[in-house]
Amino acid sequence: MMKKKTDIKAEPKSYWNFRVLADPYMNKSNNGTINEGVMFRIAEVFYSDGVPNGHGVSTFSAETIDNLLWMTERYTEAISKPVLWGDSRFPLEYKTEEE
């Protein structure tokens, strides 16, 4: 059976959601040891035609408790999605060495 045109949900051309981003870091300890790793953060990711095309800075504030709760729910959803690089490799997916 063919779907009617009205049965097909149209994807929005542009939208945003929260995603986990991975940012590489490097620091030097007091004893001169260089430490390297990845820091994870949650940020808004913007899409155009379903493709990530930008991201915002990490924030966690809201104007009301209800909005804060809504954001917490969206953050929880973000953790279930693949992690994206937050540096110049954006929007490539971050992969751990085990993957």
N, C-alpha and C. Protein backbone atom coordinates (compact mmCIF):
# COMPACT_ATOMS: atom_id res chain seq x y z
N MET A 1 0.84 -1.18 0.00
CA MET A 1 0.00 0.00 0.00
C MET A 1 0.89 1.24 0.00
N MET A 2 0.62 2.16 -0.88
CA MET A 2 1.40 3.40 -0.97
C MET A 2 0.91 4.40 0.07
N LYS A 3 1.85 5.13 0.60
CA LYS A 3 1.49 6.17 1.56
C LYS A 3 0.99 7.39 0.82
N LYS A 4 -0.01 8.01 1.39
CA LYS A 4 -0.47 9.27 0.85
C LYS A 4 0.53 10.35 1.22
N LYS A 5 0.58 11.37 0.43
CA LYS A 5 1.49 12.48 0.69
C LYS A 5 1.27 13.06 2.09
N THR A 6 0.04 13.05 2.56
CA THR A 6 -0.25 13.61 3.88
C THR A 6 0.21 12.69 5.00
N ASP A 7 0.49 11.40 4.70
CA ASP A 7 0.95 10.46 5.71
C ASP A 7 2.45 10.58 5.99
N ILE A 8 3.18 11.21 5.11
CA ILE A 8 4.63 11.31 5.23
C ILE A 8 4.98 12.55 6.04
N LYS A 9 5.74 12.34 7.12
CA LYS A 9 6.17 13.47 7.95
C LYS A 9 7.32 14.18 7.28
N ALA A 10 7.20 15.46 7.10
CA ALA A 10 8.27 16.25 6.50
C ALA A 10 9.30 16.60 7.57
N GLU A 11 10.56 16.37 7.26
CA GLU A 11 11.64 16.76 8.16
C GLU A 11 11.82 18.27 8.05
N PRO A 12 12.02 18.94 9.17
CA PRO A 12 12.28 20.38 9.09
C PRO A 12 13.61 20.64 8.40
N LYS A 13 13.69 21.74 7.65
CA LYS A 13 14.92 22.08 6.94
C LYS A 13 16.04 22.41 7.91
N SER A 14 15.70 23.13 8.97
CA SER A 14 16.71 23.43 9.98
C SER A 14 16.10 23.25 11.36
N TYR A 15 16.92 22.78 12.27
CA TYR A 15 16.49 22.56 13.64
C TYR A 15 17.72 22.46 14.52
N TRP A 16 17.52 22.25 15.80
CA TRP A 16 18.63 22.07 16.73
C TRP A 16 18.25 21.02 17.75
N ASN A 17 19.26 20.46 18.40
CA ASN A 17 19.06 19.61 19.56
C ASN A 17 20.33 19.65 20.40
N PHE A 18 20.27 19.06 21.57
CA PHE A 18 21.47 18.96 22.39
C PHE A 18 22.24 17.71 21.99
N ARG A 19 23.55 17.81 21.96
CA ARG A 19 24.43 16.67 21.68
C ARG A 19 25.63 16.74 22.60
N VAL A 20 26.24 15.59 22.81
CA VAL A 20 27.49 15.53 23.55
C VAL A 20 28.62 15.80 22.56
N LEU A 21 29.51 16.73 22.89
CA LEU A 21 30.67 17.04 22.07
C LEU A 21 31.93 16.65 22.83
N ALA A 22 32.94 16.21 22.09
CA ALA A 22 34.23 15.85 22.68
C ALA A 22 35.26 16.89 22.27
N ASP A 23 35.94 17.47 23.26
CA ASP A 23 36.97 18.46 23.00
C ASP A 23 38.30 17.95 23.52
N PRO A 24 39.32 17.89 22.66
CA PRO A 24 40.64 17.46 23.14
C PRO A 24 41.25 18.54 24.02
N TYR A 25 42.04 18.12 24.98
CA TYR A 25 42.75 19.09 25.81
C TYR A 25 44.17 18.60 26.08
N MET A 26 45.01 19.53 26.42
CA MET A 26 46.38 19.22 26.81
C MET A 26 46.77 20.24 27.88
N ASN A 27 47.33 19.75 28.97
CA ASN A 27 47.84 20.67 29.99
C ASN A 27 49.13 20.13 30.57
N LYS A 28 49.85 21.02 31.18
CA LYS A 28 51.15 20.67 31.76
C LYS A 28 51.02 20.75 33.28
N SER A 29 51.35 19.65 33.96
CA SER A 29 51.27 19.64 35.42
C SER A 29 52.47 20.36 36.02
N ASN A 30 52.43 20.57 37.32
CA ASN A 30 53.53 21.26 38.02
C ASN A 30 54.86 20.55 37.87
N ASN A 31 54.83 19.23 37.73
CA ASN A 31 56.09 18.49 37.60
C ASN A 31 56.55 18.37 36.13
N GLY A 32 55.87 19.06 35.23
CA GLY A 32 56.28 19.08 33.82
C GLY A 32 55.65 18.01 32.95
N THR A 33 54.85 17.14 33.55
CA THR A 33 54.18 16.09 32.78
C THR A 33 53.09 16.69 31.91
N ILE A 34 53.06 16.26 30.65
CA ILE A 34 52.00 16.70 29.73
C ILE A 34 50.84 15.72 29.84
N ASN A 35 49.68 16.23 30.12
CA ASN A 35 48.46 15.41 30.21
C ASN A 35 47.59 15.71 29.01
N GLU A 36 47.15 14.67 28.33
CA GLU A 36 46.24 14.83 27.18
C GLU A 36 45.00 14.00 27.42
N GLY A 37 43.90 14.43 26.87
CA GLY A 37 42.67 13.68 27.01
C GLY A 37 41.54 14.34 26.26
N VAL A 38 40.35 13.94 26.61
CA VAL A 38 39.14 14.46 25.99
C VAL A 38 38.18 14.88 27.09
N MET A 39 37.62 16.07 26.95
CA MET A 39 36.58 16.55 27.85
C MET A 39 35.26 16.49 27.09
N PHE A 40 34.22 16.01 27.76
CA PHE A 40 32.91 15.92 27.14
C PHE A 40 32.03 17.05 27.65
N ARG A 41 31.21 17.61 26.75
CA ARG A 41 30.28 18.67 27.13
C ARG A 41 29.00 18.51 26.33
N ILE A 42 27.95 19.09 26.84
CA ILE A 42 26.66 19.08 26.13
C ILE A 42 26.42 20.49 25.62
N ALA A 43 26.08 20.60 24.35
CA ALA A 43 25.84 21.90 23.72
C ALA A 43 24.72 21.78 22.69
N GLU A 44 24.18 22.92 22.30
CA GLU A 44 23.22 22.94 21.20
C GLU A 44 23.96 22.66 19.90
N VAL A 45 23.39 21.78 19.06
CA VAL A 45 23.94 21.52 17.73
C VAL A 45 22.86 21.91 16.73
N PHE A 46 23.25 22.67 15.73
CA PHE A 46 22.32 23.19 14.73
C PHE A 46 22.45 22.37 13.44
N TYR A 47 21.30 22.13 12.80
CA TYR A 47 21.25 21.29 11.61
C TYR A 47 20.62 22.05 10.45
N SER A 48 21.09 21.71 9.27
CA SER A 48 20.48 22.20 8.03
C SER A 48 20.32 20.98 7.14
N ASP A 49 19.12 20.72 6.71
CA ASP A 49 18.80 19.54 5.91
C ASP A 49 19.29 18.26 6.58
N GLY A 50 19.18 18.18 7.91
CA GLY A 50 19.54 16.99 8.66
C GLY A 50 21.02 16.80 8.92
N VAL A 51 21.87 17.75 8.49
CA VAL A 51 23.32 17.65 8.66
C VAL A 51 23.78 18.68 9.69
N PRO A 52 24.55 18.25 10.72
CA PRO A 52 25.05 19.22 11.68
C PRO A 52 25.91 20.27 10.99
N ASN A 53 25.64 21.55 11.27
CA ASN A 53 26.42 22.61 10.61
C ASN A 53 26.96 23.65 11.58
N GLY A 54 26.77 23.44 12.87
CA GLY A 54 27.32 24.36 13.85
C GLY A 54 26.90 23.96 15.25
N HIS A 55 27.59 24.53 16.23
CA HIS A 55 27.23 24.25 17.62
C HIS A 55 27.49 25.47 18.49
N GLY A 56 26.77 25.51 19.59
CA GLY A 56 26.91 26.61 20.52
C GLY A 56 27.81 26.25 21.68
N VAL A 57 27.95 27.19 22.59
CA VAL A 57 28.74 26.94 23.79
C VAL A 57 27.90 26.15 24.78
N SER A 58 28.55 25.54 25.72
CA SER A 58 27.84 24.77 26.74
C SER A 58 27.24 25.71 27.77
N THR A 59 25.97 25.52 28.03
CA THR A 59 25.31 26.30 29.07
C THR A 59 24.32 25.39 29.79
N PHE A 60 24.01 25.73 31.00
CA PHE A 60 22.97 25.01 31.71
C PHE A 60 22.27 25.99 32.62
N SER A 61 21.40 26.75 32.03
CA SER A 61 20.60 27.71 32.80
C SER A 61 19.26 27.84 32.10
N ALA A 62 18.27 28.26 32.86
CA ALA A 62 16.93 28.43 32.30
C ALA A 62 16.20 29.50 33.07
N GLU A 63 15.14 30.03 32.46
CA GLU A 63 14.37 31.10 33.08
C GLU A 63 13.36 30.59 34.11
N THR A 64 12.98 29.32 34.00
CA THR A 64 12.04 28.75 34.97
C THR A 64 12.48 27.33 35.33
N ILE A 65 11.95 26.81 36.42
CA ILE A 65 12.24 25.44 36.83
C ILE A 65 11.70 24.47 35.78
N ASP A 66 10.52 24.76 35.23
CA ASP A 66 9.97 23.89 34.18
C ASP A 66 10.89 23.83 32.97
N ASN A 67 11.45 24.98 32.57
CA ASN A 67 12.38 24.99 31.44
C ASN A 67 13.67 24.23 31.79
N LEU A 68 14.11 24.34 33.02
CA LEU A 68 15.29 23.62 33.46
C LEU A 68 15.04 22.11 33.41
N LEU A 69 13.86 21.70 33.83
CA LEU A 69 13.49 20.28 33.75
C LEU A 69 13.44 19.82 32.30
N TRP A 70 12.87 20.63 31.44
CA TRP A 70 12.80 20.29 30.00
C TRP A 70 14.22 20.11 29.45
N MET A 71 15.13 21.04 29.81
CA MET A 71 16.51 20.94 29.33
C MET A 71 17.19 19.69 29.86
N THR A 72 16.93 19.34 31.11
CA THR A 72 17.51 18.14 31.69
C THR A 72 17.07 16.90 30.91
N GLU A 73 15.81 16.86 30.52
CA GLU A 73 15.31 15.74 29.72
C GLU A 73 16.00 15.70 28.36
N ARG A 74 16.20 16.86 27.73
CA ARG A 74 16.89 16.90 26.43
C ARG A 74 18.36 16.49 26.59
N TYR A 75 18.99 16.89 27.70
CA TYR A 75 20.38 16.49 27.96
C TYR A 75 20.47 14.97 28.07
N THR A 76 19.50 14.37 28.75
CA THR A 76 19.48 12.91 28.88
C THR A 76 19.36 12.25 27.51
N GLU A 77 18.55 12.81 26.64
CA GLU A 77 18.43 12.30 25.27
C GLU A 77 19.76 12.42 24.54
N ALA A 78 20.49 13.53 24.76
CA ALA A 78 21.75 13.77 24.06
C ALA A 78 22.77 12.68 24.38
N ILE A 79 22.75 12.19 25.61
CA ILE A 79 23.72 11.18 26.01
C ILE A 79 23.51 9.87 25.27
N SER A 80 22.31 9.62 24.78
CA SER A 80 22.03 8.37 24.06
C SER A 80 22.42 8.44 22.58
N LYS A 81 22.83 9.61 22.10
CA LYS A 81 23.21 9.78 20.69
C LYS A 81 24.72 9.69 20.54
N PRO A 82 25.21 9.43 19.32
CA PRO A 82 26.66 9.41 19.12
C PRO A 82 27.29 10.76 19.50
N VAL A 83 28.50 10.70 20.07
CA VAL A 83 29.23 11.89 20.48
C VAL A 83 29.88 12.51 19.25
N LEU A 84 29.83 13.83 19.14
CA LEU A 84 30.45 14.55 18.04
C LEU A 84 31.69 15.27 18.54
N TRP A 85 32.69 15.42 17.68
CA TRP A 85 33.85 16.24 18.02
C TRP A 85 33.40 17.68 18.17
N GLY A 86 33.96 18.42 19.12
CA GLY A 86 33.60 19.81 19.33
C GLY A 86 34.65 20.77 18.80
N ASP A 87 35.72 20.25 18.19
CA ASP A 87 36.78 21.12 17.69
C ASP A 87 36.68 21.23 16.17
N SER A 88 37.78 21.40 15.50
CA SER A 88 37.77 21.59 14.04
C SER A 88 37.29 20.35 13.29
N ARG A 89 37.18 19.21 13.96
CA ARG A 89 36.67 17.98 13.32
C ARG A 89 35.15 17.90 13.31
N PHE A 90 34.46 18.85 13.95
CA PHE A 90 32.99 18.88 13.94
C PHE A 90 32.50 18.90 12.51
N PRO A 91 31.51 18.10 12.12
CA PRO A 91 30.61 17.27 12.90
C PRO A 91 30.94 15.78 12.87
N LEU A 92 32.20 15.40 12.72
CA LEU A 92 32.56 13.99 12.74
C LEU A 92 32.27 13.37 14.10
N GLU A 93 31.94 12.08 14.12
CA GLU A 93 31.66 11.40 15.36
C GLU A 93 32.96 11.06 16.09
N TYR A 94 32.95 11.27 17.40
CA TYR A 94 34.06 10.89 18.25
C TYR A 94 33.95 9.39 18.49
N LYS A 95 35.04 8.68 18.31
CA LYS A 95 35.08 7.23 18.56
C LYS A 95 36.14 6.95 19.61
N THR A 96 35.80 6.11 20.58
CA THR A 96 36.80 5.72 21.57
C THR A 96 37.71 4.66 20.93
N GLU A 97 38.82 4.38 21.58
CA GLU A 97 39.74 3.38 21.05
C GLU A 97 39.10 1.99 21.02
N GLU A 98 38.12 1.76 21.90
CA GLU A 98 37.44 0.46 21.94
C GLU A 98 36.48 0.27 20.77
N GLU A 99 36.05 1.35 20.13
CA GLU A 99 35.05 1.26 19.05
C GLU A 99 35.72 0.91 17.74
